[in-house]
Amino acid sequence: MLLTHLGGWSAVTLPDVMARLDAAGARYVTLQQAQADPAYAETGSSSLVARAPKQRGMTLAVPEQSSEPALDVKSLCR
């Protein structure tokens, strides 16, 4: 799933983003096809990303949380 926000920046960068996804071997399906996938029929309180590894006996590494912000938004939005 690719979620973007409508705006000038998206309109300018989307062709490059799609080209990079294509080059990386991305495959595309319709929303109807995606919703028909059995993985999305499963219910639970956690996300598919969290459920899938657990069902396969895998543990996802959780990065250490920092109390400091990752980016200084005020300096970026000038």
PDB file of N, CA and C in Angstrom:
ATOM      1  N   MET A   1       0.851  -1.157   0.000  1.00  0.00           N
ATOM      2  CA  MET A   1       0.000   0.000   0.000  1.00  0.00           C
ATOM      3  C   MET A   1       0.896   1.218   0.000  1.00  0.00           C
ATOM      4  N   LEU A   2       0.567   2.145  -0.831  1.00  0.00           N
ATOM      5  CA  LEU A   2       1.299   3.398  -0.901  1.00  0.00           C
ATOM      6  C   LEU A   2       0.331   4.514  -0.550  1.00  0.00           C
ATOM      7  N   LEU A   3       0.572   5.167   0.549  1.00  0.00           N
ATOM      8  CA  LEU A   3      -0.290   6.259   0.991  1.00  0.00           C
ATOM      9  C   LEU A   3       0.479   7.557   0.833  1.00  0.00           C
ATOM     10  N   THR A   4      -0.085   8.479   0.101  1.00  0.00           N
ATOM     11  CA  THR A   4       0.546   9.786  -0.075  1.00  0.00           C
ATOM     12  C   THR A   4      -0.445  10.871   0.285  1.00  0.00           C
ATOM     13  N   HIS A   5       0.062  12.025   0.531  1.00  0.00           N
ATOM     14  CA  HIS A   5      -0.774  13.189   0.796  1.00  0.00           C
ATOM     15  C   HIS A   5      -0.824  14.021  -0.473  1.00  0.00           C
ATOM     16  N   LEU A   6      -1.989  14.488  -0.809  1.00  0.00           N
ATOM     17  CA  LEU A   6      -2.171  15.277  -2.011  1.00  0.00           C
ATOM     18  C   LEU A   6      -1.546  16.657  -1.818  1.00  0.00           C
ATOM     19  N   GLY A   7      -0.678  17.027  -2.704  1.00  0.00           N
ATOM     20  CA  GLY A   7      -0.048  18.331  -2.619  1.00  0.00           C
ATOM     21  C   GLY A   7       1.006  18.482  -3.694  1.00  0.00           C
ATOM     22  N   GLY A   8       1.564  19.674  -3.782  1.00  0.00           N
ATOM     23  CA  GLY A   8       2.568  19.961  -4.784  1.00  0.00           C
ATOM     24  C   GLY A   8       3.796  19.083  -4.676  1.00  0.00           C
ATOM     25  N   TRP A   9       4.251  18.830  -3.456  1.00  0.00           N
ATOM     26  CA  TRP A   9       5.444  18.013  -3.266  1.00  0.00           C
ATOM     27  C   TRP A   9       5.194  16.605  -3.789  1.00  0.00           C
ATOM     28  N   SER A  10       4.026  16.027  -3.464  1.00  0.00           N
ATOM     29  CA  SER A  10       3.705  14.678  -3.937  1.00  0.00           C
ATOM     30  C   SER A  10       3.636  14.637  -5.458  1.00  0.00           C
ATOM     31  N   ALA A  11       3.040  15.649  -6.053  1.00  0.00           N
ATOM     32  CA  ALA A  11       2.900  15.672  -7.511  1.00  0.00           C
ATOM     33  C   ALA A  11       4.266  15.697  -8.194  1.00  0.00           C
ATOM     34  N   VAL A  12       5.215  16.375  -7.589  1.00  0.00           N
ATOM     35  CA  VAL A  12       6.557  16.482  -8.176  1.00  0.00           C
ATOM     36  C   VAL A  12       7.357  15.204  -7.949  1.00  0.00           C
ATOM     37  N   THR A  13       7.237  14.607  -6.774  1.00  0.00           N
ATOM     38  CA  THR A  13       8.087  13.466  -6.430  1.00  0.00           C
ATOM     39  C   THR A  13       7.492  12.105  -6.791  1.00  0.00           C
ATOM     40  N   LEU A  14       6.177  12.016  -6.979  1.00  0.00           N
ATOM     41  CA  LEU A  14       5.548  10.722  -7.213  1.00  0.00           C
ATOM     42  C   LEU A  14       6.127   9.964  -8.413  1.00  0.00           C
ATOM     43  N   PRO A  15       6.384  10.605  -9.551  1.00  0.00           N
ATOM     44  CA  PRO A  15       6.969   9.845 -10.658  1.00  0.00           C
ATOM     45  C   PRO A  15       8.303   9.189 -10.299  1.00  0.00           C
ATOM     46  N   ASP A  16       9.151   9.888  -9.552  1.00  0.00           N
ATOM     47  CA  ASP A  16      10.433   9.315  -9.149  1.00  0.00           C
ATOM     48  C   ASP A  16      10.223   8.182  -8.149  1.00  0.00           C
ATOM     49  N   VAL A  17       9.316   8.366  -7.218  1.00  0.00           N
ATOM     50  CA  VAL A  17       9.021   7.315  -6.238  1.00  0.00           C
ATOM     51  C   VAL A  17       8.536   6.062  -6.953  1.00  0.00           C
ATOM     52  N   MET A  18       7.618   6.223  -7.891  1.00  0.00           N
ATOM     53  CA  MET A  18       7.083   5.065  -8.623  1.00  0.00           C
ATOM     54  C   MET A  18       8.174   4.393  -9.464  1.00  0.00           C
ATOM     55  N   ALA A  19       9.041   5.180 -10.085  1.00  0.00           N
ATOM     56  CA  ALA A  19      10.134   4.612 -10.874  1.00  0.00           C
ATOM     57  C   ALA A  19      11.070   3.797  -9.991  1.00  0.00           C
ATOM     58  N   ARG A  20      11.341   4.291  -8.800  1.00  0.00           N
ATOM     59  CA  ARG A  20      12.208   3.559  -7.872  1.00  0.00           C
ATOM     60  C   ARG A  20      11.548   2.274  -7.392  1.00  0.00           C
ATOM     61  N   LEU A  21      10.250   2.343  -7.125  1.00  0.00           N
ATOM     62  CA  LEU A  21       9.530   1.134  -6.732  1.00  0.00           C
ATOM     63  C   LEU A  21       9.540   0.116  -7.860  1.00  0.00           C
ATOM     64  N   ASP A  22       9.297   0.579  -9.088  1.00  0.00           N
ATOM     65  CA  ASP A  22       9.333  -0.311 -10.256  1.00  0.00           C
ATOM     66  C   ASP A  22      10.709  -0.971 -10.385  1.00  0.00           C
ATOM     67  N   ALA A  23      11.762  -0.176 -10.248  1.00  0.00           N
ATOM     68  CA  ALA A  23      13.131  -0.686 -10.378  1.00  0.00           C
ATOM     69  C   ALA A  23      13.459  -1.705  -9.291  1.00  0.00           C
ATOM     70  N   ALA A  24      12.814  -1.553  -8.134  1.00  0.00           N
ATOM     71  CA  ALA A  24      13.053  -2.482  -7.023  1.00  0.00           C
ATOM     72  C   ALA A  24      12.193  -3.740  -7.135  1.00  0.00           C
ATOM     73  N   GLY A  25      11.355  -3.802  -8.178  1.00  0.00           N
ATOM     74  CA  GLY A  25      10.549  -5.005  -8.394  1.00  0.00           C
ATOM     75  C   GLY A  25       9.180  -4.978  -7.743  1.00  0.00           C
ATOM     76  N   ALA A  26       8.690  -3.801  -7.419  1.00  0.00           N
ATOM     77  CA  ALA A  26       7.362  -3.700  -6.804  1.00  0.00           C
ATOM     78  C   ALA A  26       6.303  -4.281  -7.735  1.00  0.00           C
ATOM     79  N   ARG A  27       5.308  -4.897  -7.134  1.00  0.00           N
ATOM     80  CA  ARG A  27       4.179  -5.423  -7.890  1.00  0.00           C
ATOM     81  C   ARG A  27       2.938  -4.674  -7.418  1.00  0.00           C
ATOM     82  N   TYR A  28       1.999  -4.475  -8.311  1.00  0.00           N
ATOM     83  CA  TYR A  28       0.820  -3.692  -7.993  1.00  0.00           C
ATOM     84  C   TYR A  28      -0.436  -4.524  -8.191  1.00  0.00           C
ATOM     85  N   VAL A  29      -1.371  -4.366  -7.276  1.00  0.00           N
ATOM     86  CA  VAL A  29      -2.663  -5.032  -7.382  1.00  0.00           C
ATOM     87  C   VAL A  29      -3.746  -4.004  -7.105  1.00  0.00           C
ATOM     88  N   THR A  30      -4.946  -4.328  -7.499  1.00  0.00           N
ATOM     89  CA  THR A  30      -6.069  -3.441  -7.212  1.00  0.00           C
ATOM     90  C   THR A  30      -6.442  -3.575  -5.742  1.00  0.00           C
ATOM     91  N   LEU A  31      -7.190  -2.613  -5.229  1.00  0.00           N
ATOM     92  CA  LEU A  31      -7.663  -2.685  -3.854  1.00  0.00           C
ATOM     93  C   LEU A  31      -8.501  -3.947  -3.665  1.00  0.00           C
ATOM     94  N   GLN A  32      -9.323  -4.275  -4.640  1.00  0.00           N
ATOM     95  CA  GLN A  32     -10.168  -5.462  -4.567  1.00  0.00           C
ATOM     96  C   GLN A  32      -9.312  -6.730  -4.445  1.00  0.00           C
ATOM     97  N   GLN A  33      -8.235  -6.804  -5.202  1.00  0.00           N
ATOM     98  CA  GLN A  33      -7.342  -7.964  -5.119  1.00  0.00           C
ATOM     99  C   GLN A  33      -6.659  -8.033  -3.753  1.00  0.00           C
ATOM    100  N   ALA A  34      -6.227  -6.901  -3.262  1.00  0.00           N
ATOM    101  CA  ALA A  34      -5.564  -6.872  -1.956  1.00  0.00           C
ATOM    102  C   ALA A  34      -6.517  -7.301  -0.853  1.00  0.00           C
ATOM    103  N   GLN A  35      -7.739  -6.815  -0.893  1.00  0.00           N
ATOM    104  CA  GLN A  35      -8.714  -7.159   0.145  1.00  0.00           C
ATOM    105  C   GLN A  35      -9.117  -8.631   0.096  1.00  0.00           C
ATOM    106  N   ALA A  36      -8.935  -9.275  -1.042  1.00  0.00           N
ATOM    107  CA  ALA A  36      -9.261 -10.696  -1.178  1.00  0.00           C
ATOM    108  C   ALA A  36      -8.153 -11.586  -0.624  1.00  0.00           C
ATOM    109  N   ASP A  37      -6.991 -11.034  -0.331  1.00  0.00           N
ATOM    110  CA  ASP A  37      -5.886 -11.820   0.205  1.00  0.00           C
ATOM    111  C   ASP A  37      -6.261 -12.344   1.590  1.00  0.00           C
ATOM    112  N   PRO A  38      -6.061 -13.647   1.845  1.00  0.00           N
ATOM    113  CA  PRO A  38      -6.430 -14.223   3.146  1.00  0.00           C
ATOM    114  C   PRO A  38      -5.754 -13.547   4.335  1.00  0.00           C
ATOM    115  N   ALA A  39      -4.588 -12.955   4.129  1.00  0.00           N
ATOM    116  CA  ALA A  39      -3.895 -12.298   5.245  1.00  0.00           C
ATOM    117  C   ALA A  39      -4.729 -11.174   5.834  1.00  0.00           C
ATOM    118  N   TYR A  40      -5.539 -10.526   5.012  1.00  0.00           N
ATOM    119  CA  TYR A  40      -6.340  -9.406   5.494  1.00  0.00           C
ATOM    120  C   TYR A  40      -7.667  -9.856   6.089  1.00  0.00           C
ATOM    121  N   ALA A  41      -7.996 -11.148   5.976  1.00  0.00           N
ATOM    122  CA  ALA A  41      -9.228 -11.668   6.551  1.00  0.00           C
ATOM    123  C   ALA A  41      -9.048 -11.975   8.037  1.00  0.00           C
ATOM    124  N   GLU A  42      -7.809 -12.096   8.473  1.00  0.00           N
ATOM    125  CA  GLU A  42      -7.534 -12.403   9.878  1.00  0.00           C
ATOM    126  C   GLU A  42      -7.894 -11.215  10.746  1.00  0.00           C
ATOM    127  N   THR A  43      -8.399 -11.507  11.908  1.00  0.00           N
ATOM    128  CA  THR A  43      -8.750 -10.439  12.838  1.00  0.00           C
ATOM    129  C   THR A  43      -7.808 -10.479  14.020  1.00  0.00           C
ATOM    130  N   GLY A  44      -7.765  -9.431  14.741  1.00  0.00           N
ATOM    131  CA  GLY A  44      -6.918  -9.361  15.916  1.00  0.00           C
ATOM    132  C   GLY A  44      -6.661  -7.915  16.274  1.00  0.00           C
ATOM    133  N   SER A  45      -6.105  -7.722  17.436  1.00  0.00           N
ATOM    134  CA  SER A  45      -5.858  -6.356  17.893  1.00  0.00           C
ATOM    135  C   SER A  45      -4.545  -5.791  17.378  1.00  0.00           C
ATOM    136  N   SER A  46      -3.694  -6.664  16.833  1.00  0.00           N
ATOM    137  CA  SER A  46      -2.416  -6.172  16.318  1.00  0.00           C
ATOM    138  C   SER A  46      -2.474  -6.068  14.796  1.00  0.00           C
ATOM    139  N   SER A  47      -1.492  -5.399  14.240  1.00  0.00           N
ATOM    140  CA  SER A  47      -1.442  -5.196  12.797  1.00  0.00           C
ATOM    141  C   SER A  47      -0.940  -6.448  12.090  1.00  0.00           C
ATOM    142  N   LEU A  48      -1.166  -6.503  10.801  1.00  0.00           N
ATOM    143  CA  LEU A  48      -0.678  -7.610   9.983  1.00  0.00           C
ATOM    144  C   LEU A  48       0.838  -7.721  10.101  1.00  0.00           C
ATOM    145  N   VAL A  49       1.517  -6.579  10.143  1.00  0.00           N
ATOM    146  CA  VAL A  49       2.978  -6.569  10.250  1.00  0.00           C
ATOM    147  C   VAL A  49       3.427  -7.225  11.554  1.00  0.00           C
ATOM    148  N   ALA A  50       2.655  -7.065  12.620  1.00  0.00           N
ATOM    149  CA  ALA A  50       3.004  -7.677  13.899  1.00  0.00           C
ATOM    150  C   ALA A  50       2.572  -9.142  13.959  1.00  0.00           C
ATOM    151  N   ARG A  51       1.413  -9.475  13.354  1.00  0.00           N
ATOM    152  CA  ARG A  51       0.890 -10.843  13.426  1.00  0.00           C
ATOM    153  C   ARG A  51       1.678 -11.839  12.578  1.00  0.00           C
ATOM    154  N   ALA A  52       2.048 -11.471  11.367  1.00  0.00           N
ATOM    155  CA  ALA A  52       2.677 -12.415  10.440  1.00  0.00           C
ATOM    156  C   ALA A  52       3.953 -13.044  11.000  1.00  0.00           C
ATOM    157  N   PRO A  53       4.905 -12.267  11.508  1.00  0.00           N
ATOM    158  CA  PRO A  53       6.117 -12.900  12.052  1.00  0.00           C
ATOM    159  C   PRO A  53       5.805 -13.794  13.261  1.00  0.00           C
ATOM    160  N   LYS A  54       4.884 -13.344  14.108  1.00  0.00           N
ATOM    161  CA  LYS A  54       4.543 -14.117  15.302  1.00  0.00           C
ATOM    162  C   LYS A  54       3.983 -15.484  14.905  1.00  0.00           C
ATOM    163  N   GLN A  55       3.137 -15.522  13.875  1.00  0.00           N
ATOM    164  CA  GLN A  55       2.572 -16.784  13.405  1.00  0.00           C
ATOM    165  C   GLN A  55       3.645 -17.720  12.869  1.00  0.00           C
ATOM    166  N   ARG A  56       4.752 -17.161  12.430  1.00  0.00           N
ATOM    167  CA  ARG A  56       5.851 -17.958  11.892  1.00  0.00           C
ATOM    168  C   ARG A  56       6.945 -18.221  12.927  1.00  0.00           C
ATOM    169  N   GLY A  57       6.675 -17.857  14.186  1.00  0.00           N
ATOM    170  CA  GLY A  57       7.634 -18.093  15.255  1.00  0.00           C
ATOM    171  C   GLY A  57       8.819 -17.146  15.232  1.00  0.00           C
ATOM    172  N   MET A  58       8.644 -15.999  14.598  1.00  0.00           N
ATOM    173  CA  MET A  58       9.728 -15.023  14.491  1.00  0.00           C
ATOM    174  C   MET A  58       9.502 -13.877  15.473  1.00  0.00           C
ATOM    175  N   THR A  59      10.579 -13.248  15.887  1.00  0.00           N
ATOM    176  CA  THR A  59      10.504 -12.077  16.755  1.00  0.00           C
ATOM    177  C   THR A  59      11.094 -10.889  16.011  1.00  0.00           C
ATOM    178  N   LEU A  60      10.342  -9.809  15.960  1.00  0.00           N
ATOM    179  CA  LEU A  60      10.845  -8.592  15.321  1.00  0.00           C
ATOM    180  C   LEU A  60      11.659  -7.792  16.316  1.00  0.00           C
ATOM    181  N   ALA A  61      12.789  -7.293  15.869  1.00  0.00           N
ATOM    182  CA  ALA A  61      13.609  -6.430  16.716  1.00  0.00           C
ATOM    183  C   ALA A  61      12.921  -5.075  16.837  1.00  0.00           C
ATOM    184  N   VAL A  62      12.852  -4.578  18.039  1.00  0.00           N
ATOM    185  CA  VAL A  62      12.246  -3.276  18.284  1.00  0.00           C
ATOM    186  C   VAL A  62      13.373  -2.286  18.553  1.00  0.00           C
ATOM    187  N   PRO A  63      13.470  -1.231  17.737  1.00  0.00           N
ATOM    188  CA  PRO A  63      14.551  -0.269  17.956  1.00  0.00           C
ATOM    189  C   PRO A  63      14.378   0.453  19.289  1.00  0.00           C
ATOM    190  N   GLU A  64      15.496   0.802  19.865  1.00  0.00           N
ATOM    191  CA  GLU A  64      15.476   1.521  21.134  1.00  0.00           C
ATOM    192  C   GLU A  64      14.859   2.896  20.930  1.00  0.00           C
ATOM    193  N   GLN A  65      13.963   3.272  21.821  1.00  0.00           N
ATOM    194  CA  GLN A  65      13.294   4.567  21.733  1.00  0.00           C
ATOM    195  C   GLN A  65      14.167   5.644  22.376  1.00  0.00           C
ATOM    196  N   SER A  66      14.221   6.785  21.734  1.00  0.00           N
ATOM    197  CA  SER A  66      14.971   7.915  22.265  1.00  0.00           C
ATOM    198  C   SER A  66      13.990   8.968  22.755  1.00  0.00           C
ATOM    199  N   SER A  67      14.351   9.659  23.803  1.00  0.00           N
ATOM    200  CA  SER A  67      13.490  10.731  24.287  1.00  0.00           C
ATOM    201  C   SER A  67      13.667  11.996  23.446  1.00  0.00           C
ATOM    202  N   GLU A  68      14.730  12.032  22.658  1.00  0.00           N
ATOM    203  CA  GLU A  68      14.985  13.167  21.789  1.00  0.00           C
ATOM    204  C   GLU A  68      14.254  12.977  20.458  1.00  0.00           C
ATOM    205  N   PRO A  69      13.691  14.049  19.899  1.00  0.00           N
ATOM    206  CA  PRO A  69      13.038  13.917  18.594  1.00  0.00           C
ATOM    207  C   PRO A  69      14.053  13.542  17.515  1.00  0.00           C
ATOM    208  N   ALA A  70      13.616  12.753  16.545  1.00  0.00           N
ATOM    209  CA  ALA A  70      14.502  12.317  15.469  1.00  0.00           C
ATOM    210  C   ALA A  70      14.875  13.479  14.554  1.00  0.00           C
ATOM    211  N   LEU A  71      13.974  14.416  14.387  1.00  0.00           N
ATOM    212  CA  LEU A  71      14.214  15.571  13.530  1.00  0.00           C
ATOM    213  C   LEU A  71      13.804  16.839  14.243  1.00  0.00           C
ATOM    214  N   ASP A  72      14.471  17.912  13.944  1.00  0.00           N
ATOM    215  CA  ASP A  72      14.094  19.219  14.465  1.00  0.00           C
ATOM    216  C   ASP A  72      13.143  19.845  13.445  1.00  0.00           C
ATOM    217  N   VAL A  73      11.849  19.636  13.641  1.00  0.00           N
ATOM    218  CA  VAL A  73      10.851  20.076  12.679  1.00  0.00           C
ATOM    219  C   VAL A  73      10.882  21.595  12.480  1.00  0.00           C
ATOM    220  N   LYS A  74      11.139  22.336  13.542  1.00  0.00           N
ATOM    221  CA  LYS A  74      11.157  23.813  13.416  1.00  0.00           C
ATOM    222  C   LYS A  74      12.238  24.270  12.452  1.00  0.00           C
ATOM    223  N   SER A  75      13.383  23.592  12.455  1.00  0.00           N
ATOM    224  CA  SER A  75      14.444  24.012  11.531  1.00  0.00           C
ATOM    225  C   SER A  75      14.161  23.550  10.106  1.00  0.00           C
ATOM    226  N   LEU A  76      13.389  22.477   9.938  1.00  0.00           N
ATOM    227  CA  LEU A  76      13.080  21.982   8.605  1.00  0.00           C
ATOM    228  C   LEU A  76      11.991  22.801   7.919  1.00  0.00           C
ATOM    229  N   CYS A  77      11.097  23.376   8.689  1.00  0.00           N
ATOM    230  CA  CYS A  77       9.926  24.068   8.140  1.00  0.00           C
ATOM    231  C   CYS A  77      10.093  25.579   8.121  1.00  0.00           C
ATOM    232  N   ARG A  78      11.222  26.038   7.685  1.00  0.00           N
ATOM    233  CA  ARG A  78      11.446  27.482   7.613  1.00  0.00           C
ATOM    234  C   ARG A  78      11.310  27.970   6.195  1.00  0.00           C
TER     235      ARG A  78
END
